[in-house]
Amino acid sequence: MHDLFDLCDDYGPLKIIHLHEPSVGLQAVLVVDNVALGPALGGIRMAADVSVAECARLARAMTWKNAAAGIPHGGGKIVVYGDPKIPKPEKQQLLRALAQALRNEDSYIFAPDMGTDEECMAWIRDEVARVVALPRELGGIPLDEIGATGWGLSQVTEVALQYCDFPLRDARLVVQGFGAVGKAVARFLVAKGARLVATADSDGAIYDPDGLDVAELLAWKQAGNRVSDFGAGESLERDELVEVECDIWIPAARPDVIDESNVHALRTRLVVEGANIPITEGAERILHEKGILCVPDFIANAGGVICAAMEYHGASENAAMAAVADKLRDNARLVLEATNTKGMLPRDAARQMAAQRVEKAMALRRFSLFSTADAWV
C-alpha cells in the first residue's frame, strides 16, 4: 500500500482500481488521475508488461494533455494485461468484461490506445455509454481512419520548424513505430515535402537514405507484412533506428524508448513526441543541452484526444480536425516561445501551462479531486 501512495502528489491520482475477472482471464488497472476539469478521458492500452507506476505516469500525461488542449476532461488510463494480437473473440470478451466491471465508474470515459481501436470501442459501447472514438457507422469520429493524432503532429512539426534552421521540404524523417499514429504522421509530413528515410514496427526497421515510398509501405503494412521485409531499403534491427541520421525524429510507439543510456546515439535536429512518455525527462534535458529541440508528448500528440472529446460533445469531424490544428499550433507556439524567451526546457514550459489550468479548476471545486455523475450534467 505504501508503494501506491508513493505515486501520489498534489494533483492525484484520485483512484487506482485493480480489476480481476478470472472467468475470462481479465486483469486490468484503471488509474483516474485528476478530474477537476471534468471526467477523466484516456485510452485503454493492451499490453503484457505495463506496471501500475507506468499506468499512473500515462494517466498524468493525459491530465496535462487534456488541460493543455483546453478540453473539459481530466486524465486517466487503463491497462489491460495481455497480448493485443489475441484472436478477436477473446479480445472482445475481455473488453466487454472490462466495460461491465467499470460500468458505474462515472469518473472515467473509455477511449482507444495502443492495442485497441474503433471496433473495440464499439464493443464497449454495447455495454456502457461513456465511450469515444466510435466507428463512423455508429456516429463516431474514427481517429485512426482520419489520422487525428498524426495530423496534429504534422501541425506541431510545422510550428517547431519555425524555431529550427532547416525547412520541412526534403527534411529527413524517421518515425519510430509504424502503427496508427506513425503511419498517419509519415503520410502527412511526406505530403508536405519531407522524406521518410526510416521507420520501424515491433519486429524490425527499414532504412533508405533516398526516401521510402510511403504509399507502397502503407499498402505493404496493411497486407500484414513486417516493415523490415519491405523490398526497398536496408533492413535494420528495431533499436538501430535511434542511430539513423535525420532531421526530424518522431517516436510513435512505446514509453521510454529513449533514456539516458541511448540518448547520445540520437542523431537528429528536432524531436516531436508522438507517443506518450517516449523519452525520459533526464534524456530530454540532455537533448536540450545539446541544442536539439524536443516538443513534449502532451503538446504534440493531443490530436486524438481533442477529436475524441469533441465527438463526445457532439461536434462534427470537420470541426474536430480544425480544432486540432488551431489548438495544437497555438500551444506549440506558447511553449516554444517560453522556451526561447525564458530559457526553459520545453517540457517545463508545457507542464507549467497545463498545471496552471488544472490548479485553477481545482481551486473552484468543493473537493478538488472529487467527481460525481451529476457534476458533469
Foldseek 3Di string as FASTA:
>chain_A
DVVVCVLDDPQDQPDKDWDDDPVLGWTKIKTRHFQLLHAAEDEEAEEADADPSNQSLLQQLSQLLCLLLPFSGGGMYMYIHDDLPPDPVSLLVRLCVVLQVCQPVVSYAYEHDHSDFQVSQVSSCVRHVRYALHDVVVVHQGCLVVLQLLLLLLLLVQLVCVVPDDHLAQFEEEEEACDSNSLSVVVVSVVVHYADAKYAHPAWMFGDSVGDDSVVLVVCVVVVDGSQPPPDGHIGGSLCSQQDATAEYEYADDAASAEPVCLVSHHYQEYEYQHANNYDPRSLVVCVVVNRAYAHHSLRRSRSVQSGSCSVVPDDNVVSSVSSSVSSSVSSVQLVVCCVPVVDRSVVSSSVSSVVSLVVSLVVDPHSRDDDPVVVD
